Amino acid sequence: MFQAATALGATPAQISSWMWALGLGMGLCSLVPSLLWRKPVMVAWSTPGAAVLATAAATGGFDLPQAVGAFLVCAAFITLFGVTGWFERVMDRIPMPIASALLAGVLARFGLDAFVALKSSFALVGLMLATYLIGRRLWARYAVPGVLIVAYSSLWRTDSCISAACSGS
């Protein structure tokens, strides 16, 4: 989401506001139904949606107001399709291999970008990969947070962290 907002030309203040609104919205949308139904309900942003937004932003064909407008229209359609049951009927007709292929197509660019990073940050990417593989074997639940901690500590220790990249702005 940070990459998409930056590519769309958002200012640091706009990115902070966007992340704050997303966090608050997802938190409330998780908390309220969980309290009402006494069952855990988790709401998060869509990984494919974020990938599509970042990819569309990278092309430079859209600006921030257009992206926000597209999100609002999509939110209205998602709400309409969810409330009416149309979404479930449509999804039941899409074979799982096709749905999986669509997701893979959207996420492929992000996976391939790891190989691009190998050119400039071989040691860091190798360390992150090793941490993930060892983490999955020893403490699978904490493998991804472990990779994040190792990456940030490595960048901080080597003073390679550019302040804008590490602060998320």
N, C-alpha and C. Protein backbone atom coordinates (compact mmCIF):
# COMPACT_ATOMS: atom_id res chain seq x y z
N MET A 1 0.82 -1.18 0.00
CA MET A 1 0.00 0.00 0.00
C MET A 1 0.87 1.26 0.00
N PHE A 2 2.01 1.19 0.72
CA PHE A 2 2.91 2.34 0.73
C PHE A 2 3.44 2.60 -0.68
N GLN A 3 3.85 1.54 -1.38
CA GLN A 3 4.38 1.69 -2.73
C GLN A 3 3.32 2.28 -3.66
N ALA A 4 2.10 1.79 -3.54
CA ALA A 4 1.03 2.27 -4.40
C ALA A 4 0.77 3.75 -4.13
N ALA A 5 0.67 4.13 -2.87
CA ALA A 5 0.40 5.52 -2.53
C ALA A 5 1.52 6.43 -3.02
N THR A 6 2.75 5.99 -2.84
CA THR A 6 3.89 6.79 -3.31
C THR A 6 3.87 6.92 -4.83
N ALA A 7 3.60 5.82 -5.52
CA ALA A 7 3.55 5.85 -6.99
C ALA A 7 2.41 6.73 -7.50
N LEU A 8 1.35 6.85 -6.71
CA LEU A 8 0.22 7.69 -7.10
C LEU A 8 0.46 9.16 -6.79
N GLY A 9 1.60 9.46 -6.17
CA GLY A 9 1.95 10.85 -5.90
C GLY A 9 1.43 11.38 -4.57
N ALA A 10 1.12 10.50 -3.64
CA ALA A 10 0.63 10.93 -2.34
C ALA A 10 1.77 11.53 -1.52
N THR A 11 1.44 12.54 -0.74
CA THR A 11 2.42 13.15 0.16
C THR A 11 2.56 12.26 1.40
N PRO A 12 3.64 12.45 2.17
CA PRO A 12 3.77 11.68 3.42
C PRO A 12 2.56 11.84 4.35
N ALA A 13 2.00 13.05 4.40
CA ALA A 13 0.82 13.27 5.24
C ALA A 13 -0.38 12.47 4.73
N GLN A 14 -0.54 12.42 3.41
CA GLN A 14 -1.64 11.65 2.83
C GLN A 14 -1.45 10.16 3.08
N ILE A 15 -0.21 9.68 2.95
CA ILE A 15 0.06 8.27 3.19
C ILE A 15 -0.23 7.92 4.64
N SER A 16 0.20 8.77 5.57
CA SER A 16 -0.08 8.53 6.99
C SER A 16 -1.58 8.51 7.24
N SER A 17 -2.29 9.43 6.67
CA SER A 17 -3.75 9.48 6.83
C SER A 17 -4.40 8.24 6.24
N TRP A 18 -3.93 7.81 5.08
CA TRP A 18 -4.47 6.64 4.41
C TRP A 18 -4.26 5.39 5.28
N MET A 19 -3.04 5.22 5.78
CA MET A 19 -2.74 4.05 6.62
C MET A 19 -3.54 4.10 7.93
N TRP A 20 -3.68 5.30 8.51
CA TRP A 20 -4.46 5.45 9.73
C TRP A 20 -5.92 5.06 9.48
N ALA A 21 -6.49 5.55 8.39
CA ALA A 21 -7.88 5.23 8.06
C ALA A 21 -8.05 3.74 7.79
N LEU A 22 -7.10 3.14 7.06
CA LEU A 22 -7.18 1.70 6.80
C LEU A 22 -7.10 0.91 8.10
N GLY A 23 -6.16 1.27 8.96
CA GLY A 23 -6.00 0.56 10.23
C GLY A 23 -7.22 0.69 11.11
N LEU A 24 -7.74 1.90 11.24
CA LEU A 24 -8.93 2.13 12.05
C LEU A 24 -10.14 1.41 11.47
N GLY A 25 -10.31 1.52 10.17
CA GLY A 25 -11.45 0.86 9.51
C GLY A 25 -11.41 -0.65 9.65
N MET A 26 -10.24 -1.23 9.40
CA MET A 26 -10.12 -2.69 9.53
C MET A 26 -10.28 -3.12 10.98
N GLY A 27 -9.75 -2.33 11.90
CA GLY A 27 -9.88 -2.66 13.31
C GLY A 27 -11.33 -2.64 13.77
N LEU A 28 -12.06 -1.60 13.40
CA LEU A 28 -13.47 -1.52 13.79
C LEU A 28 -14.31 -2.59 13.11
N CYS A 29 -14.00 -2.86 11.84
CA CYS A 29 -14.75 -3.89 11.11
C CYS A 29 -14.44 -5.29 11.64
N SER A 30 -13.35 -5.45 12.36
CA SER A 30 -13.04 -6.73 13.01
C SER A 30 -13.63 -6.77 14.42
N LEU A 31 -13.51 -5.66 15.15
CA LEU A 31 -13.93 -5.62 16.54
C LEU A 31 -15.45 -5.69 16.71
N VAL A 32 -16.18 -4.85 15.99
CA VAL A 32 -17.63 -4.77 16.20
C VAL A 32 -18.33 -6.10 15.92
N PRO A 33 -18.14 -6.73 14.76
CA PRO A 33 -18.82 -8.03 14.54
C PRO A 33 -18.35 -9.10 15.53
N SER A 34 -17.07 -9.06 15.90
CA SER A 34 -16.56 -10.05 16.86
C SER A 34 -17.27 -9.92 18.20
N LEU A 35 -17.50 -8.69 18.63
CA LEU A 35 -18.21 -8.48 19.89
C LEU A 35 -19.69 -8.84 19.77
N LEU A 36 -20.30 -8.51 18.64
CA LEU A 36 -21.73 -8.81 18.45
C LEU A 36 -21.99 -10.31 18.35
N TRP A 37 -21.19 -11.01 17.57
CA TRP A 37 -21.43 -12.43 17.31
C TRP A 37 -20.63 -13.35 18.22
N ARG A 38 -19.77 -12.75 19.06
CA ARG A 38 -18.93 -13.53 19.98
C ARG A 38 -18.13 -14.61 19.25
N LYS A 39 -17.69 -14.27 18.06
CA LYS A 39 -16.83 -15.12 17.25
C LYS A 39 -15.78 -14.21 16.62
N PRO A 40 -14.59 -14.72 16.43
CA PRO A 40 -13.57 -13.86 15.81
C PRO A 40 -13.89 -13.56 14.35
N VAL A 41 -13.84 -12.30 14.01
CA VAL A 41 -14.04 -11.85 12.64
C VAL A 41 -12.82 -11.02 12.27
N MET A 42 -12.18 -11.38 11.19
CA MET A 42 -10.96 -10.67 10.77
C MET A 42 -11.21 -9.96 9.45
N VAL A 43 -10.90 -8.70 9.42
CA VAL A 43 -11.03 -7.90 8.20
C VAL A 43 -9.65 -7.32 7.89
N ALA A 44 -9.23 -7.45 6.66
CA ALA A 44 -7.93 -6.91 6.24
C ALA A 44 -8.06 -6.47 4.79
N TRP A 45 -7.07 -5.70 4.34
CA TRP A 45 -7.12 -5.31 2.94
C TRP A 45 -6.79 -6.51 2.08
N SER A 46 -7.23 -6.44 0.86
CA SER A 46 -7.06 -7.53 -0.09
C SER A 46 -5.65 -7.49 -0.68
N THR A 47 -4.93 -8.59 -0.55
CA THR A 47 -3.59 -8.67 -1.14
C THR A 47 -3.65 -8.50 -2.66
N PRO A 48 -4.57 -9.20 -3.35
CA PRO A 48 -4.66 -8.96 -4.80
C PRO A 48 -5.05 -7.53 -5.13
N GLY A 49 -5.92 -6.95 -4.31
CA GLY A 49 -6.32 -5.56 -4.55
C GLY A 49 -5.15 -4.61 -4.39
N ALA A 50 -4.35 -4.83 -3.35
CA ALA A 50 -3.17 -4.00 -3.14
C ALA A 50 -2.17 -4.18 -4.28
N ALA A 51 -2.03 -5.42 -4.75
CA ALA A 51 -1.10 -5.69 -5.86
C ALA A 51 -1.57 -5.01 -7.14
N VAL A 52 -2.87 -5.07 -7.41
CA VAL A 52 -3.41 -4.41 -8.61
C VAL A 52 -3.22 -2.90 -8.49
N LEU A 53 -3.48 -2.36 -7.31
CA LEU A 53 -3.31 -0.92 -7.11
C LEU A 53 -1.86 -0.50 -7.33
N ALA A 54 -0.93 -1.26 -6.75
CA ALA A 54 0.50 -0.93 -6.90
C ALA A 54 0.94 -1.04 -8.35
N THR A 55 0.47 -2.07 -9.05
CA THR A 55 0.82 -2.25 -10.46
C THR A 55 0.24 -1.14 -11.31
N ALA A 56 -1.02 -0.79 -11.06
CA ALA A 56 -1.66 0.29 -11.82
C ALA A 56 -0.97 1.62 -11.54
N ALA A 57 -0.58 1.83 -10.30
CA ALA A 57 0.09 3.07 -9.94
C ALA A 57 1.46 3.16 -10.61
N ALA A 58 2.15 2.03 -10.71
CA ALA A 58 3.49 2.01 -11.31
C ALA A 58 3.46 2.39 -12.78
N THR A 59 2.34 2.15 -13.46
CA THR A 59 2.25 2.50 -14.88
C THR A 59 2.14 4.00 -15.09
N GLY A 60 1.72 4.72 -14.04
CA GLY A 60 1.61 6.17 -14.14
C GLY A 60 0.35 6.63 -14.84
N GLY A 61 -0.57 5.73 -15.12
CA GLY A 61 -1.79 6.10 -15.82
C GLY A 61 -2.88 6.65 -14.94
N PHE A 62 -2.66 6.63 -13.62
CA PHE A 62 -3.68 7.08 -12.68
C PHE A 62 -3.06 7.99 -11.65
N ASP A 63 -3.89 8.90 -11.11
CA ASP A 63 -3.40 9.73 -10.01
C ASP A 63 -4.18 9.37 -8.75
N LEU A 64 -3.85 9.99 -7.65
CA LEU A 64 -4.44 9.64 -6.35
C LEU A 64 -5.95 9.83 -6.31
N PRO A 65 -6.50 10.96 -6.78
CA PRO A 65 -7.97 11.10 -6.74
C PRO A 65 -8.69 10.02 -7.55
N GLN A 66 -8.13 9.62 -8.68
CA GLN A 66 -8.75 8.56 -9.48
C GLN A 66 -8.71 7.23 -8.74
N ALA A 67 -7.60 6.94 -8.07
CA ALA A 67 -7.48 5.68 -7.32
C ALA A 67 -8.46 5.66 -6.15
N VAL A 68 -8.59 6.77 -5.44
CA VAL A 68 -9.54 6.84 -4.32
C VAL A 68 -10.96 6.66 -4.84
N GLY A 69 -11.28 7.30 -5.95
CA GLY A 69 -12.61 7.14 -6.55
C GLY A 69 -12.87 5.69 -6.95
N ALA A 70 -11.88 5.04 -7.53
CA ALA A 70 -12.03 3.64 -7.92
C ALA A 70 -12.24 2.76 -6.69
N PHE A 71 -11.53 3.06 -5.59
CA PHE A 71 -11.73 2.30 -4.36
C PHE A 71 -13.15 2.48 -3.82
N LEU A 72 -13.66 3.69 -3.87
CA LEU A 72 -15.02 3.93 -3.36
C LEU A 72 -16.07 3.21 -4.20
N VAL A 73 -15.91 3.24 -5.52
CA VAL A 73 -16.84 2.53 -6.39
C VAL A 73 -16.75 1.02 -6.15
N CYS A 74 -15.52 0.51 -6.02
CA CYS A 74 -15.35 -0.93 -5.74
C CYS A 74 -15.97 -1.29 -4.41
N ALA A 75 -15.80 -0.44 -3.39
CA ALA A 75 -16.39 -0.71 -2.08
C ALA A 75 -17.91 -0.78 -2.18
N ALA A 76 -18.50 0.10 -2.96
CA ALA A 76 -19.96 0.07 -3.14
C ALA A 76 -20.40 -1.24 -3.82
N PHE A 77 -19.67 -1.65 -4.86
CA PHE A 77 -20.01 -2.90 -5.54
C PHE A 77 -19.79 -4.12 -4.64
N ILE A 78 -18.71 -4.13 -3.90
CA ILE A 78 -18.44 -5.25 -3.00
C ILE A 78 -19.54 -5.37 -1.95
N THR A 79 -19.95 -4.23 -1.41
CA THR A 79 -21.03 -4.23 -0.42
C THR A 79 -22.33 -4.74 -1.05
N LEU A 80 -22.65 -4.24 -2.23
CA LEU A 80 -23.86 -4.67 -2.92
C LEU A 80 -23.83 -6.16 -3.22
N PHE A 81 -22.72 -6.64 -3.76
CA PHE A 81 -22.61 -8.07 -4.10
C PHE A 81 -22.62 -8.95 -2.86
N GLY A 82 -22.02 -8.48 -1.77
CA GLY A 82 -22.01 -9.26 -0.53
C GLY A 82 -23.37 -9.34 0.11
N VAL A 83 -24.09 -8.23 0.15
CA VAL A 83 -25.40 -8.18 0.80
C VAL A 83 -26.44 -8.97 0.01
N THR A 84 -26.37 -8.91 -1.30
CA THR A 84 -27.38 -9.59 -2.13
C THR A 84 -27.09 -11.06 -2.36
N GLY A 85 -25.85 -11.50 -2.09
CA GLY A 85 -25.49 -12.90 -2.33
C GLY A 85 -25.00 -13.17 -3.74
N TRP A 86 -24.92 -12.13 -4.56
CA TRP A 86 -24.46 -12.31 -5.94
C TRP A 86 -23.02 -12.79 -5.99
N PHE A 87 -22.19 -12.28 -5.09
CA PHE A 87 -20.78 -12.64 -5.09
C PHE A 87 -20.60 -14.14 -4.89
N GLU A 88 -21.30 -14.69 -3.93
CA GLU A 88 -21.18 -16.13 -3.66
C GLU A 88 -21.63 -16.95 -4.86
N ARG A 89 -22.71 -16.53 -5.51
CA ARG A 89 -23.19 -17.26 -6.69
C ARG A 89 -22.19 -17.21 -7.84
N VAL A 90 -21.56 -16.05 -8.04
CA VAL A 90 -20.57 -15.93 -9.11
C VAL A 90 -19.32 -16.74 -8.77
N MET A 91 -18.85 -16.64 -7.53
CA MET A 91 -17.63 -17.36 -7.13
C MET A 91 -17.82 -18.87 -7.18
N ASP A 92 -19.03 -19.34 -6.92
CA ASP A 92 -19.29 -20.78 -7.00
C ASP A 92 -19.15 -21.30 -8.42
N ARG A 93 -19.28 -20.43 -9.41
CA ARG A 93 -19.18 -20.85 -10.81
C ARG A 93 -17.76 -20.78 -11.36
N ILE A 94 -16.86 -20.11 -10.65
CA ILE A 94 -15.47 -20.00 -11.12
C ILE A 94 -14.68 -21.19 -10.57
N PRO A 95 -14.11 -22.01 -11.44
CA PRO A 95 -13.32 -23.15 -10.96
C PRO A 95 -12.11 -22.67 -10.13
N MET A 96 -11.79 -23.42 -9.08
CA MET A 96 -10.70 -23.04 -8.18
C MET A 96 -9.37 -22.87 -8.91
N PRO A 97 -9.02 -23.73 -9.89
CA PRO A 97 -7.75 -23.50 -10.60
C PRO A 97 -7.69 -22.15 -11.32
N ILE A 98 -8.82 -21.71 -11.86
CA ILE A 98 -8.84 -20.41 -12.54
C ILE A 98 -8.69 -19.28 -11.53
N ALA A 99 -9.39 -19.37 -10.40
CA ALA A 99 -9.27 -18.35 -9.36
C ALA A 99 -7.83 -18.29 -8.84
N SER A 100 -7.22 -19.45 -8.66
CA SER A 100 -5.83 -19.49 -8.20
C SER A 100 -4.89 -18.89 -9.23
N ALA A 101 -5.14 -19.16 -10.50
CA ALA A 101 -4.30 -18.61 -11.57
C ALA A 101 -4.44 -17.09 -11.63
N LEU A 102 -5.64 -16.58 -11.42
CA LEU A 102 -5.83 -15.13 -11.41
C LEU A 102 -5.04 -14.49 -10.28
N LEU A 103 -5.10 -15.08 -9.10
CA LEU A 103 -4.33 -14.56 -7.96
C LEU A 103 -2.83 -14.64 -8.25
N ALA A 104 -2.39 -15.75 -8.80
CA ALA A 104 -0.97 -15.92 -9.11
C ALA A 104 -0.51 -14.87 -10.13
N GLY A 105 -1.35 -14.59 -11.10
CA GLY A 105 -1.00 -13.59 -12.11
C GLY A 105 -0.84 -12.21 -11.51
N VAL A 106 -1.68 -11.87 -10.56
CA VAL A 106 -1.60 -10.56 -9.92
C VAL A 106 -0.36 -10.48 -9.03
N LEU A 107 -0.04 -11.56 -8.33
CA LEU A 107 1.07 -11.55 -7.38
C LEU A 107 2.43 -11.88 -8.01
N ALA A 108 2.44 -12.34 -9.25
CA ALA A 108 3.69 -12.76 -9.89
C ALA A 108 4.74 -11.66 -9.92
N ARG A 109 4.34 -10.45 -10.22
CA ARG A 109 5.30 -9.35 -10.30
C ARG A 109 6.02 -9.14 -8.97
N PHE A 110 5.28 -9.24 -7.87
CA PHE A 110 5.90 -9.03 -6.57
C PHE A 110 6.88 -10.15 -6.23
N GLY A 111 6.53 -11.35 -6.61
CA GLY A 111 7.44 -12.47 -6.39
C GLY A 111 8.69 -12.35 -7.23
N LEU A 112 8.54 -11.91 -8.46
CA LEU A 112 9.69 -11.78 -9.35
C LEU A 112 10.58 -10.61 -8.97
N ASP A 113 10.01 -9.60 -8.30
CA ASP A 113 10.82 -8.46 -7.87
C ASP A 113 11.87 -8.86 -6.84
N ALA A 114 11.65 -9.96 -6.15
CA ALA A 114 12.67 -10.44 -5.20
C ALA A 114 13.96 -10.77 -5.94
N PHE A 115 13.84 -11.30 -7.14
CA PHE A 115 15.03 -11.62 -7.93
C PHE A 115 15.72 -10.36 -8.44
N VAL A 116 14.97 -9.33 -8.70
CA VAL A 116 15.57 -8.05 -9.09
C VAL A 116 16.38 -7.49 -7.92
N ALA A 117 15.85 -7.66 -6.70
CA ALA A 117 16.55 -7.16 -5.51
C ALA A 117 17.86 -7.91 -5.27
N LEU A 118 17.96 -9.12 -5.80
CA LEU A 118 19.21 -9.88 -5.63
C LEU A 118 20.41 -9.15 -6.22
N LYS A 119 20.19 -8.38 -7.30
CA LYS A 119 21.29 -7.67 -7.95
C LYS A 119 21.92 -6.64 -7.03
N SER A 120 21.09 -5.90 -6.32
CA SER A 120 21.62 -4.81 -5.50
C SER A 120 21.78 -5.17 -4.03
N SER A 121 21.06 -6.16 -3.55
CA SER A 121 21.09 -6.49 -2.12
C SER A 121 21.15 -8.00 -1.92
N PHE A 122 22.13 -8.63 -2.53
CA PHE A 122 22.23 -10.09 -2.48
C PHE A 122 22.30 -10.61 -1.05
N ALA A 123 23.15 -10.00 -0.23
CA ALA A 123 23.33 -10.48 1.16
C ALA A 123 22.03 -10.35 1.94
N LEU A 124 21.33 -9.23 1.80
CA LEU A 124 20.09 -9.02 2.54
C LEU A 124 19.01 -10.01 2.10
N VAL A 125 18.84 -10.17 0.80
CA VAL A 125 17.83 -11.10 0.29
C VAL A 125 18.17 -12.53 0.71
N GLY A 126 19.45 -12.89 0.64
CA GLY A 126 19.86 -14.22 1.07
C GLY A 126 19.60 -14.45 2.56
N LEU A 127 19.91 -13.44 3.37
CA LEU A 127 19.66 -13.53 4.81
C LEU A 127 18.17 -13.67 5.10
N MET A 128 17.35 -12.91 4.39
CA MET A 128 15.90 -12.99 4.59
C MET A 128 15.37 -14.36 4.17
N LEU A 129 15.86 -14.87 3.05
CA LEU A 129 15.42 -16.19 2.58
C LEU A 129 15.82 -17.27 3.57
N ALA A 130 17.07 -17.22 4.04
CA ALA A 130 17.54 -18.22 5.01
C ALA A 130 16.73 -18.14 6.30
N THR A 131 16.44 -16.93 6.75
CA THR A 131 15.63 -16.76 7.97
C THR A 131 14.25 -17.36 7.78
N TYR A 132 13.67 -17.12 6.62
CA TYR A 132 12.34 -17.67 6.36
C TYR A 132 12.36 -19.20 6.34
N LEU A 133 13.31 -19.78 5.62
CA LEU A 133 13.37 -21.24 5.51
C LEU A 133 13.64 -21.89 6.87
N ILE A 134 14.56 -21.33 7.62
CA ILE A 134 14.84 -21.88 8.96
C ILE A 134 13.64 -21.63 9.87
N GLY A 135 13.07 -20.44 9.77
CA GLY A 135 11.91 -20.11 10.59
C GLY A 135 10.72 -21.02 10.33
N ARG A 136 10.48 -21.34 9.08
CA ARG A 136 9.36 -22.25 8.75
C ARG A 136 9.58 -23.63 9.36
N ARG A 137 10.83 -24.01 9.48
CA ARG A 137 11.16 -25.33 10.02
C ARG A 137 11.07 -25.36 11.55
N LEU A 138 11.56 -24.29 12.19
CA LEU A 138 11.65 -24.28 13.65
C LEU A 138 10.44 -23.66 14.35
N TRP A 139 9.96 -22.54 13.84
CA TRP A 139 8.84 -21.84 14.45
C TRP A 139 7.99 -21.22 13.34
N ALA A 140 7.22 -22.09 12.69
CA ALA A 140 6.46 -21.71 11.49
C ALA A 140 5.55 -20.50 11.73
N ARG A 141 4.97 -20.43 12.89
CA ARG A 141 4.03 -19.35 13.17
C ARG A 141 4.70 -17.97 13.13
N TYR A 142 5.98 -17.94 13.47
CA TYR A 142 6.68 -16.66 13.58
C TYR A 142 7.72 -16.46 12.48
N ALA A 143 7.64 -17.21 11.41
CA ALA A 143 8.64 -17.10 10.34
C ALA A 143 8.62 -15.72 9.68
N VAL A 144 7.46 -15.22 9.33
CA VAL A 144 7.38 -13.93 8.63
C VAL A 144 7.77 -12.78 9.55
N PRO A 145 7.25 -12.71 10.79
CA PRO A 145 7.76 -11.65 11.68
C PRO A 145 9.27 -11.77 11.92
N GLY A 146 9.77 -13.00 11.96
CA GLY A 146 11.20 -13.20 12.12
C GLY A 146 11.99 -12.61 10.96
N VAL A 147 11.48 -12.79 9.74
CA VAL A 147 12.13 -12.21 8.56
C VAL A 147 12.13 -10.69 8.65
N LEU A 148 11.03 -10.12 9.07
CA LEU A 148 10.94 -8.66 9.21
C LEU A 148 11.94 -8.15 10.23
N ILE A 149 12.02 -8.82 11.37
CA ILE A 149 12.95 -8.39 12.42
C ILE A 149 14.40 -8.51 11.93
N VAL A 150 14.73 -9.62 11.29
CA VAL A 150 16.09 -9.82 10.79
C VAL A 150 16.43 -8.78 9.72
N ALA A 151 15.50 -8.50 8.83
CA ALA A 151 15.76 -7.53 7.75
C ALA A 151 15.99 -6.13 8.34
N TYR A 152 15.11 -5.69 9.22
CA TYR A 152 15.28 -4.36 9.80
C TYR A 152 16.55 -4.26 10.65
N SER A 153 16.83 -5.30 11.42
CA SER A 153 18.04 -5.24 12.25
C SER A 153 19.29 -5.26 11.37
N SER A 154 19.25 -6.00 10.28
CA SER A 154 20.39 -6.03 9.36
C SER A 154 20.60 -4.67 8.71
N LEU A 155 19.52 -4.07 8.26
CA LEU A 155 19.62 -2.74 7.64
C LEU A 155 20.09 -1.71 8.65
N TRP A 156 19.56 -1.78 9.85
CA TRP A 156 19.93 -0.82 10.89
C TRP A 156 21.41 -0.99 11.28
N ARG A 157 21.83 -2.25 11.41
CA ARG A 157 23.20 -2.55 11.82
C ARG A 157 24.20 -2.08 10.76
N THR A 158 23.86 -2.25 9.49
CA THR A 158 24.77 -1.86 8.42
C THR A 158 24.58 -0.42 8.00
N ASP A 159 23.62 0.27 8.62
CA ASP A 159 23.32 1.67 8.30
C ASP A 159 22.96 1.83 6.82
N SER A 160 22.34 0.79 6.24
CA SER A 160 21.95 0.82 4.84
C SER A 160 20.54 1.33 4.65
N CYS A 161 19.87 1.59 5.74
CA CYS A 161 18.46 1.93 5.68
C CYS A 161 18.29 3.40 5.33
N ILE A 162 17.68 3.65 4.21
CA ILE A 162 17.36 5.01 3.83
C ILE A 162 16.17 5.42 4.67
N SER A 163 16.22 6.60 5.28
CA SER A 163 15.19 6.98 6.25
C SER A 163 13.79 6.94 5.66
N ALA A 164 13.61 7.36 4.41
CA ALA A 164 12.27 7.34 3.80
C ALA A 164 11.76 5.92 3.63
N ALA A 165 12.67 5.00 3.25
CA ALA A 165 12.25 3.61 3.04
C ALA A 165 11.93 2.92 4.34
N CYS A 166 12.68 3.18 5.40
CA CYS A 166 12.47 2.49 6.67
C CYS A 166 11.37 3.12 7.48
N SER A 167 11.07 4.38 7.27
CA SER A 167 9.99 5.00 8.02
C SER A 167 8.65 4.77 7.35
N GLY A 168 8.66 4.25 6.11
CA GLY A 168 7.42 3.98 5.41
C GLY A 168 6.85 5.18 4.71
N SER A 169 7.57 6.28 4.65
CA SER A 169 7.04 7.47 3.97
C SER A 169 7.79 7.73 2.71
